[in-house]
Amino acid sequence: MKALLIGLWSVWVSGVLLIALSLYATQRLPLSTNPIFSHTSFSDLDTPKITIFTAPAPFTGSSGTKQSLAIRSWLALSPQISVILFSQHHSAASFAKSLGSRALVESDIDFTFLGVPFFHSMVAKSRAFKSDIYVFLDTETILLPDFVLALNYAHKLDDDWLLFASPRDVPNFPFYLDEDRKHWLKDGQRIRIQELQDTLGSSWQWSCCDSRMVIAWNNGEMPLHHGVLPPFLYGKGVYNHWLINEALSSGLRFVFDASWTISNIALGDSSYQSNCFVKSSNVSDIEKGSWEYDCNSHLAAVYGLSSLHGFNYSAVMKLVKCDGRYLLINATEDFLHTYAYKRKSLWKRHIPKCRRSKTTLACVVRTIKTQNETSGCSLKDGSVHTKTLKLSYSLESLLAITADENKTVVLTVAGYSYKDMLMSWVCRLRRLRITNFLVSSLDYETYQFSVMQGLPVFNDPSAPSNISFNDCHFGTECFQRVTKVKSRLVLKILKLGYNVLLSDVDIYWFKNPLPLLSTFGPATLAAQSDEYNQTRPINLPRRLNSGFYYAHSDAPTISAMGKVVRHAATSGLTEQPSFYDTLCGEGGSTRKGDNRCVEPGTNLTVHFLDRNLFPNGAYLGLWERKNVKSACKKQGCLVLHNNWISGRVKKLERQVISGLWDYDITTRMCLV
């Protein structure tokens, strides 16, 4: 018996010594080879697939450095994280390539003429990527391991959810990742995550910046909200608050605030405050007058279930971590929940006070106290939707922005009844990667609509007023007055030193015609022929179509166009007869051959374009073919004019039914 006790005592002592040695050895070990998660028991095997979507600025200068550090911090968290960069800039592609296969660039979405992506288009495109969790955040946001831990917790909830986390502004971030993205460094020395967080905790401040929030949701069956997502401009404020409010109002998903469990670190930059469009005591008001914010605010006011103004997040469930456990708390109703409960229980079931530890209660009290620092965030008051939306660009500045390297622009003119056809035309040009286009609006409504769609639009002060655009089609007095606007605008732009391709919005583009049209050279105006008879010359009287022509900015062309404008001003007809009678002579007196004519005063040559490449709406009966697109592609059409048909409605129907339509009027997005 004594021997047995001695043996057991020896085993116990040996065990204690082994444990002590293990603890000593652990303390003596160097920093973990995976220090990003050295303070947790986290395993990549437990991590859901997370896809982060963002839209970077060009990776140049100080902005490029911050973006590079931020995106590398995301990828360092887990091999289960992928990043999608929505951008048209070449620097994004080269940067993504340097990061490996987990970073991709996506450019097949809708952008404004300034290269700003549309948030609704980004969200729609995100559905094409298979993921467990979708995340949207700003490219100058540092993420730490608690981001993945919080998402890992949320992924285990029993119902569809949407979470958000407010940004924490950090004026100085002295840390950086090593080349392998495995260690955070400061002054060349490795630093643990907890030490990093403790250092930042003394300097960061809550921010109300809408564009820098983290928004995430699971890949579930329920939509985020009722209705459609408006065409918000990404990075220009309002849309995250709108989305949260709509998700809460719709009640389709469980919505909670993870600001206390996700370190959403916004790298400080005073210039960035222009994009923080909220009302807050610690945010300046320098964003006043921003047309991008006005657009987003206008959309927020006219879309959705309820008004955003005055809304705050004090009553929203909050995710906190106390005593090593995640808790969902509702500060206004004083109860706690654990993630094990289903969604109905998340809203109703309490954890009795007797089961709450003192440390847990203290943690909750601290959270409730700090929530006052963020509860003041709301959108600016005022009826912004009643303001006039206006681009801060003149015609001259728009020309400088949009013109291609040859100083050529594509010009179209549209009124409100043709706004959807305008957008289909724009979407087709975007699909062809043609960005050097301009839109002239004939009325206030079209201008407002175009601004919200991110188009390079200008309002022509010489456009006729008091026009009924619901009945402004070929043959009407309205149509006659409107067409004369086009030639005046073309002449104005030519005088500013730019070549112009004038295209009506009812012309479908199969390919970019500019490479061919630019070969005609100076002192030549290339125009579409309206002749439909296959056996007759294409330059017969009154067969020049003024809805599609290319003009060089040179002295002969400018002088000849001036004659056209003056002739049209005294004519009771549309501008189209004025083109032919001025440039080819009445009755075709200056015709040359079957496809040209010469204006004798300026020696300008008018070249009538090959109808097989530039067919009008009556040529070869193309619009009556069973498969219009296939027939035109087989023939080699560059464009196809949807004319020789009476009435706007019939024209729209023909184009939509034929499949030559590229715009979804419901979602306000280009069709894929």
Foldseek 3Di string as FASTA:
>chain_A
DVVVVVVVVVVVVVVVVVVVVVVVVVVVDDQDLQQLQSPHPDDLVLFWQEEEEEEADQLDDPSVVLLLQAVLLQCSQHVSYAYEYAWPDPNQCVSQVVVPDRYYYDPPFDAFLVTFGWPQRRVVVCVVDDTFKYKYFYSNWHWGNLVRVVVSLVSPFPWKAKEKAFAWEQADQQWGADPVSRFIDHPRDGDHPVVSCVVRVVGIATDLQQLGMMMMIGPDDFDQAPAFQARAGHLQDDRNLLSLVRSVVRVRHQYEYANARIHTYRYDDLVSLLRRFWDDPPRDPVVPPPLNNLLNQLVSVVDGDDHFAPDFCLQHWYWHAFPNFIWTDGVVVPFIDHSVDHPVCRVPPGDDPVPQDPRNVVRVVVVNVCVVSRRPITGDDDDSSPDQRDDPDDPLRLQVSQADPQQAAEEEEDEDVCLQLLVQLVLLCVVQVRSRYEYEYLDSVSRRVCVSSSYRYDYDPPRDPPDDVQQQDPPDLNVQRRLLVVLVVCLVSLVVQHKYWAAYSQKFFPHDCVVVQPVVDALEKEFAFQDADPPAQRLFQLGTDPNTIIHHSDDLRSVLSVQLSVVSVPDSGHSSNSNCCQAQNVRRPQDDPRAWGARVVSRRIYGHDDCLAEPEQNHPVLLVDPANVVVSVVSNHRMYGLDPDDHDVVSVVSCVVNVSGFADPRNRTGHD
